[in-house]
Amino acid sequence: MTTPADSPFVPKGEPRPLSGQTCGYKPRAAPADCGAPGAWHVMWDRSSRDNSITCAEHMDLIQQRWVYDDRHPISPDCTMPGALWQHDNERCAVPDSNEHLRAPAALTITAPAAG
């Protein structure tokens, strides 16, 4: 499926192989992705988790041409396996792997029955 030239949605290309944190912008006629260091992490569609990394120059282009759900400055966690997009905190974060070891927030203590 192709995206019409006048669509407010970004044209979709093929999924990128793991590429670190480099800009994935690639015009149709270009032989390769931009490849500049990433400056922004863009969430195109929250429901499908469609996202990409872009450089500052191409973020300007994105803002002029297309709609997106959210964005935040690139951070080391953005491309880590298992990282989650935190919309309220405007960043990605890898969940704490020891979360299951934490004590409950509140404990209920009952006194022994008098007898």
N, C-alpha and C. Protein backbone atom coordinates (compact mmCIF):
# COMPACT_ATOMS: atom_id res chain seq x y z
N MET A 1 0.85 -1.18 0.00
CA MET A 1 0.00 0.00 0.00
C MET A 1 0.89 1.24 0.00
N THR A 2 0.59 2.18 -0.84
CA THR A 2 1.36 3.42 -0.88
C THR A 2 0.56 4.54 -0.23
N THR A 3 1.28 5.56 0.22
CA THR A 3 0.65 6.71 0.84
C THR A 3 0.56 7.81 -0.21
N PRO A 4 -0.63 8.40 -0.43
CA PRO A 4 -0.73 9.48 -1.41
C PRO A 4 0.19 10.65 -1.06
N ALA A 5 0.67 11.34 -2.06
CA ALA A 5 1.63 12.43 -1.86
C ALA A 5 1.07 13.54 -0.98
N ASP A 6 -0.25 13.75 -0.99
CA ASP A 6 -0.83 14.83 -0.20
C ASP A 6 -1.36 14.34 1.16
N SER A 7 -1.02 13.14 1.55
CA SER A 7 -1.48 12.58 2.82
C SER A 7 -0.76 13.24 3.99
N PRO A 8 -1.46 13.43 5.13
CA PRO A 8 -0.79 13.96 6.31
C PRO A 8 0.03 12.91 7.05
N PHE A 9 -0.02 11.65 6.59
CA PHE A 9 0.70 10.57 7.25
C PHE A 9 1.99 10.27 6.51
N VAL A 10 3.02 9.99 7.27
CA VAL A 10 4.34 9.74 6.69
C VAL A 10 4.29 8.51 5.78
N PRO A 11 4.96 8.56 4.64
CA PRO A 11 5.02 7.37 3.79
C PRO A 11 5.82 6.27 4.49
N LYS A 12 5.31 5.06 4.45
CA LYS A 12 5.97 3.94 5.13
C LYS A 12 6.93 3.24 4.20
N GLY A 13 8.10 2.95 4.70
CA GLY A 13 9.07 2.16 3.96
C GLY A 13 9.15 0.78 4.57
N GLU A 14 10.16 0.06 4.20
CA GLU A 14 10.39 -1.26 4.76
C GLU A 14 10.92 -1.11 6.19
N PRO A 15 10.63 -2.07 7.07
CA PRO A 15 11.21 -2.00 8.42
C PRO A 15 12.74 -1.98 8.33
N ARG A 16 13.37 -1.20 9.18
CA ARG A 16 14.83 -1.09 9.19
C ARG A 16 15.43 -2.18 10.05
N PRO A 17 16.57 -2.69 9.63
CA PRO A 17 17.30 -3.59 10.54
C PRO A 17 17.80 -2.76 11.71
N LEU A 18 18.21 -3.40 12.77
CA LEU A 18 18.74 -2.65 13.91
C LEU A 18 19.87 -1.75 13.42
N SER A 19 19.73 -0.47 13.69
CA SER A 19 20.70 0.48 13.14
C SER A 19 21.23 1.43 14.19
N GLY A 20 21.10 1.07 15.46
CA GLY A 20 21.56 1.98 16.48
C GLY A 20 20.65 3.18 16.57
N GLN A 21 21.22 4.33 16.72
CA GLN A 21 20.42 5.54 16.88
C GLN A 21 20.71 6.53 15.76
N THR A 22 20.55 6.06 14.53
CA THR A 22 20.78 6.93 13.38
C THR A 22 19.46 7.25 12.70
N CYS A 23 19.44 8.35 11.98
CA CYS A 23 18.23 8.82 11.29
C CYS A 23 17.80 7.83 10.21
N GLY A 24 16.53 7.47 10.24
CA GLY A 24 15.99 6.52 9.27
C GLY A 24 15.27 7.17 8.11
N TYR A 25 15.36 8.51 7.97
CA TYR A 25 14.67 9.16 6.86
C TYR A 25 15.28 8.71 5.54
N LYS A 26 14.41 8.35 4.60
CA LYS A 26 14.88 7.88 3.30
C LYS A 26 13.85 8.25 2.23
N PRO A 27 14.14 9.29 1.44
CA PRO A 27 13.25 9.60 0.33
C PRO A 27 13.19 8.41 -0.63
N ARG A 28 12.10 8.28 -1.35
CA ARG A 28 11.91 7.12 -2.23
C ARG A 28 13.06 6.91 -3.22
N ALA A 29 13.62 7.97 -3.74
CA ALA A 29 14.66 7.83 -4.76
C ALA A 29 16.06 7.67 -4.16
N ALA A 30 16.19 7.84 -2.85
CA ALA A 30 17.52 7.77 -2.22
C ALA A 30 17.99 6.32 -2.11
N PRO A 31 19.28 6.10 -2.29
CA PRO A 31 19.80 4.74 -2.19
C PRO A 31 19.91 4.21 -0.75
N ALA A 32 19.95 5.12 0.24
CA ALA A 32 20.13 4.68 1.63
C ALA A 32 19.46 5.66 2.60
N ASP A 33 19.31 5.22 3.85
CA ASP A 33 18.79 6.09 4.91
C ASP A 33 19.74 7.26 5.12
N CYS A 34 19.24 8.33 5.73
CA CYS A 34 20.06 9.50 6.04
C CYS A 34 21.31 9.08 6.82
N GLY A 35 21.12 8.37 7.94
CA GLY A 35 22.25 7.85 8.71
C GLY A 35 22.91 8.84 9.66
N ALA A 36 22.43 10.10 9.69
CA ALA A 36 22.99 11.07 10.63
C ALA A 36 22.64 10.65 12.06
N PRO A 37 23.39 11.12 13.05
CA PRO A 37 23.05 10.78 14.44
C PRO A 37 21.62 11.20 14.77
N GLY A 38 20.91 10.32 15.47
CA GLY A 38 19.54 10.61 15.85
C GLY A 38 19.45 11.70 16.90
N ALA A 39 18.45 12.55 16.79
CA ALA A 39 18.20 13.60 17.78
C ALA A 39 16.83 13.43 18.42
N TRP A 40 15.90 12.79 17.68
CA TRP A 40 14.51 12.63 18.14
C TRP A 40 14.03 11.21 17.94
N HIS A 41 13.19 10.76 18.86
CA HIS A 41 12.49 9.48 18.75
C HIS A 41 11.03 9.84 18.51
N VAL A 42 10.48 9.40 17.39
CA VAL A 42 9.13 9.79 16.97
C VAL A 42 8.20 8.58 17.06
N MET A 43 7.06 8.77 17.73
CA MET A 43 6.01 7.75 17.77
C MET A 43 4.98 8.16 16.72
N TRP A 44 4.92 7.39 15.64
CA TRP A 44 4.00 7.70 14.55
C TRP A 44 2.57 7.31 14.91
N ASP A 45 2.41 6.12 15.47
CA ASP A 45 1.07 5.61 15.77
C ASP A 45 1.14 4.80 17.06
N ARG A 46 0.56 5.33 18.10
CA ARG A 46 0.61 4.69 19.42
C ARG A 46 -0.04 3.31 19.41
N SER A 47 -1.12 3.15 18.64
CA SER A 47 -1.83 1.87 18.66
C SER A 47 -1.01 0.73 18.05
N SER A 48 -0.19 1.04 17.06
CA SER A 48 0.64 0.00 16.44
C SER A 48 2.09 0.05 16.93
N ARG A 49 2.40 1.03 17.77
CA ARG A 49 3.76 1.26 18.28
C ARG A 49 4.76 1.52 17.16
N ASP A 50 4.30 2.08 16.07
CA ASP A 50 5.14 2.42 14.92
C ASP A 50 5.97 3.65 15.29
N ASN A 51 7.30 3.51 15.30
CA ASN A 51 8.16 4.61 15.72
C ASN A 51 9.45 4.61 14.92
N SER A 52 10.18 5.71 14.99
CA SER A 52 11.46 5.80 14.29
C SER A 52 12.36 6.82 14.96
N ILE A 53 13.63 6.79 14.56
CA ILE A 53 14.65 7.74 15.02
C ILE A 53 14.90 8.71 13.87
N THR A 54 15.05 9.99 14.20
CA THR A 54 15.33 10.98 13.16
C THR A 54 16.34 12.02 13.66
N CYS A 55 17.04 12.62 12.72
CA CYS A 55 17.99 13.68 13.06
C CYS A 55 17.23 15.01 13.19
N ALA A 56 17.90 16.05 13.68
CA ALA A 56 17.25 17.35 13.89
C ALA A 56 16.73 17.93 12.57
N GLU A 57 17.51 17.82 11.51
CA GLU A 57 17.09 18.36 10.21
C GLU A 57 15.80 17.69 9.72
N HIS A 58 15.73 16.38 9.83
CA HIS A 58 14.54 15.69 9.35
C HIS A 58 13.35 15.81 10.31
N MET A 59 13.60 16.12 11.59
CA MET A 59 12.49 16.41 12.50
C MET A 59 11.80 17.69 12.05
N ASP A 60 12.57 18.67 11.60
CA ASP A 60 11.97 19.90 11.07
C ASP A 60 11.07 19.57 9.88
N LEU A 61 11.53 18.72 8.98
CA LEU A 61 10.75 18.31 7.82
C LEU A 61 9.47 17.57 8.26
N ILE A 62 9.60 16.67 9.22
CA ILE A 62 8.45 15.92 9.73
C ILE A 62 7.40 16.88 10.27
N GLN A 63 7.83 17.87 11.05
CA GLN A 63 6.88 18.82 11.63
C GLN A 63 6.16 19.65 10.56
N GLN A 64 6.82 19.89 9.45
CA GLN A 64 6.20 20.65 8.36
C GLN A 64 5.21 19.83 7.55
N ARG A 65 5.47 18.52 7.41
CA ARG A 65 4.71 17.71 6.46
C ARG A 65 3.73 16.70 7.03
N TRP A 66 4.05 16.09 8.18
CA TRP A 66 3.28 14.93 8.61
C TRP A 66 2.77 15.04 10.04
N VAL A 67 1.82 14.18 10.36
CA VAL A 67 1.31 14.10 11.73
C VAL A 67 1.99 12.93 12.44
N TYR A 68 2.12 13.04 13.74
CA TYR A 68 2.69 11.96 14.55
C TYR A 68 2.05 12.04 15.93
N ASP A 69 2.14 10.96 16.68
CA ASP A 69 1.52 10.89 18.00
C ASP A 69 2.33 11.60 19.08
N ASP A 70 3.63 11.41 19.08
CA ASP A 70 4.47 11.92 20.16
C ASP A 70 5.92 11.92 19.71
N ARG A 71 6.77 12.63 20.45
CA ARG A 71 8.21 12.62 20.19
C ARG A 71 8.93 13.00 21.47
N HIS A 72 10.18 12.62 21.56
CA HIS A 72 11.03 13.07 22.67
C HIS A 72 12.48 13.00 22.20
N PRO A 73 13.36 13.77 22.85
CA PRO A 73 14.78 13.70 22.49
C PRO A 73 15.30 12.28 22.68
N ILE A 74 16.18 11.88 21.81
CA ILE A 74 16.74 10.52 21.86
C ILE A 74 17.51 10.35 23.17
N SER A 75 17.44 9.16 23.72
CA SER A 75 18.20 8.82 24.93
C SER A 75 18.76 7.41 24.75
N PRO A 76 19.70 7.01 25.57
CA PRO A 76 20.27 5.67 25.42
C PRO A 76 19.23 4.55 25.51
N ASP A 77 18.16 4.73 26.30
CA ASP A 77 17.15 3.69 26.45
C ASP A 77 16.27 3.50 25.21
N CYS A 78 16.22 4.48 24.33
CA CYS A 78 15.28 4.44 23.20
C CYS A 78 15.40 3.18 22.34
N THR A 79 16.57 2.70 22.12
CA THR A 79 16.73 1.54 21.23
C THR A 79 17.13 0.27 21.98
N MET A 80 16.96 0.29 23.30
CA MET A 80 17.27 -0.90 24.10
C MET A 80 16.14 -1.92 23.98
N PRO A 81 16.47 -3.20 23.89
CA PRO A 81 15.41 -4.22 23.88
C PRO A 81 14.57 -4.11 25.15
N GLY A 82 13.26 -4.15 24.99
CA GLY A 82 12.35 -4.09 26.12
C GLY A 82 12.01 -2.70 26.60
N ALA A 83 12.61 -1.66 26.01
CA ALA A 83 12.31 -0.29 26.44
C ALA A 83 10.85 0.04 26.15
N LEU A 84 10.26 0.83 27.02
CA LEU A 84 8.87 1.24 26.88
C LEU A 84 8.80 2.76 26.70
N TRP A 85 7.89 3.20 25.85
CA TRP A 85 7.66 4.62 25.63
C TRP A 85 6.87 5.15 26.81
N GLN A 86 7.38 6.16 27.49
CA GLN A 86 6.68 6.76 28.62
C GLN A 86 6.16 8.13 28.17
N HIS A 87 4.90 8.15 27.73
CA HIS A 87 4.31 9.37 27.18
C HIS A 87 4.31 10.51 28.20
N ASP A 88 3.98 10.22 29.45
CA ASP A 88 3.91 11.28 30.47
C ASP A 88 5.28 11.85 30.81
N ASN A 89 6.32 11.03 30.72
CA ASN A 89 7.67 11.47 31.07
C ASN A 89 8.48 11.92 29.86
N GLU A 90 7.90 11.81 28.66
CA GLU A 90 8.55 12.22 27.42
C GLU A 90 9.92 11.57 27.25
N ARG A 91 9.94 10.24 27.41
CA ARG A 91 11.18 9.50 27.22
C ARG A 91 10.87 8.01 27.11
N CYS A 92 11.88 7.23 26.78
CA CYS A 92 11.78 5.78 26.83
C CYS A 92 12.54 5.32 28.07
N ALA A 93 12.16 4.18 28.60
CA ALA A 93 12.85 3.63 29.76
C ALA A 93 12.77 2.12 29.73
N VAL A 94 13.83 1.49 30.15
CA VAL A 94 13.85 0.04 30.29
C VAL A 94 13.28 -0.26 31.67
N PRO A 95 12.25 -1.11 31.75
CA PRO A 95 11.66 -1.41 33.06
C PRO A 95 12.68 -2.03 34.00
N ASP A 96 12.49 -1.79 35.29
CA ASP A 96 13.35 -2.36 36.32
C ASP A 96 13.15 -3.86 36.34
N SER A 97 14.20 -4.61 36.07
CA SER A 97 14.08 -6.07 36.00
C SER A 97 13.89 -6.70 37.37
N ASN A 98 14.13 -5.95 38.45
CA ASN A 98 13.96 -6.50 39.80
C ASN A 98 12.66 -6.05 40.45
N GLU A 99 11.74 -5.54 39.65
CA GLU A 99 10.49 -5.01 40.19
C GLU A 99 9.74 -6.06 41.03
N HIS A 100 9.84 -7.32 40.64
CA HIS A 100 9.13 -8.38 41.36
C HIS A 100 9.70 -8.61 42.76
N LEU A 101 10.88 -8.06 43.07
CA LEU A 101 11.49 -8.25 44.38
C LEU A 101 11.10 -7.15 45.37
N ARG A 102 10.47 -6.11 44.90
CA ARG A 102 10.10 -5.00 45.78
C ARG A 102 9.00 -5.41 46.75
N ALA A 103 9.05 -4.83 47.95
CA ALA A 103 8.01 -5.10 48.96
C ALA A 103 6.72 -4.39 48.56
N PRO A 104 5.59 -4.93 48.94
CA PRO A 104 4.33 -4.23 48.65
C PRO A 104 4.33 -2.86 49.29
N ALA A 105 3.56 -1.95 48.70
CA ALA A 105 3.51 -0.58 49.21
C ALA A 105 2.89 -0.50 50.60
N ALA A 106 1.98 -1.39 50.92
CA ALA A 106 1.34 -1.38 52.23
C ALA A 106 1.10 -2.80 52.70
N LEU A 107 1.27 -3.01 53.97
CA LEU A 107 1.00 -4.32 54.55
C LEU A 107 -0.11 -4.19 55.57
N THR A 108 -0.96 -5.18 55.65
CA THR A 108 -2.00 -5.18 56.67
C THR A 108 -1.57 -6.14 57.76
N ILE A 109 -1.53 -5.64 58.98
CA ILE A 109 -1.13 -6.48 60.11
C ILE A 109 -2.34 -6.64 61.02
N THR A 110 -2.63 -7.87 61.36
CA THR A 110 -3.75 -8.14 62.27
C THR A 110 -3.21 -8.68 63.58
N ALA A 111 -3.77 -8.18 64.66
CA ALA A 111 -3.36 -8.64 65.99
C ALA A 111 -3.97 -10.02 66.24
N PRO A 112 -3.26 -10.87 66.96
CA PRO A 112 -3.84 -12.17 67.28
C PRO A 112 -5.10 -12.02 68.12
N ALA A 113 -6.01 -12.93 67.96
CA ALA A 113 -7.26 -12.88 68.72
C ALA A 113 -6.97 -13.12 70.20
N ALA A 114 -7.66 -12.36 71.03
CA ALA A 114 -7.49 -12.53 72.47
C ALA A 114 -8.10 -13.84 72.91
N GLY A 115 -7.48 -14.52 73.76
CA GLY A 115 -8.06 -15.80 74.06
C GLY A 115 -7.95 -16.30 75.35
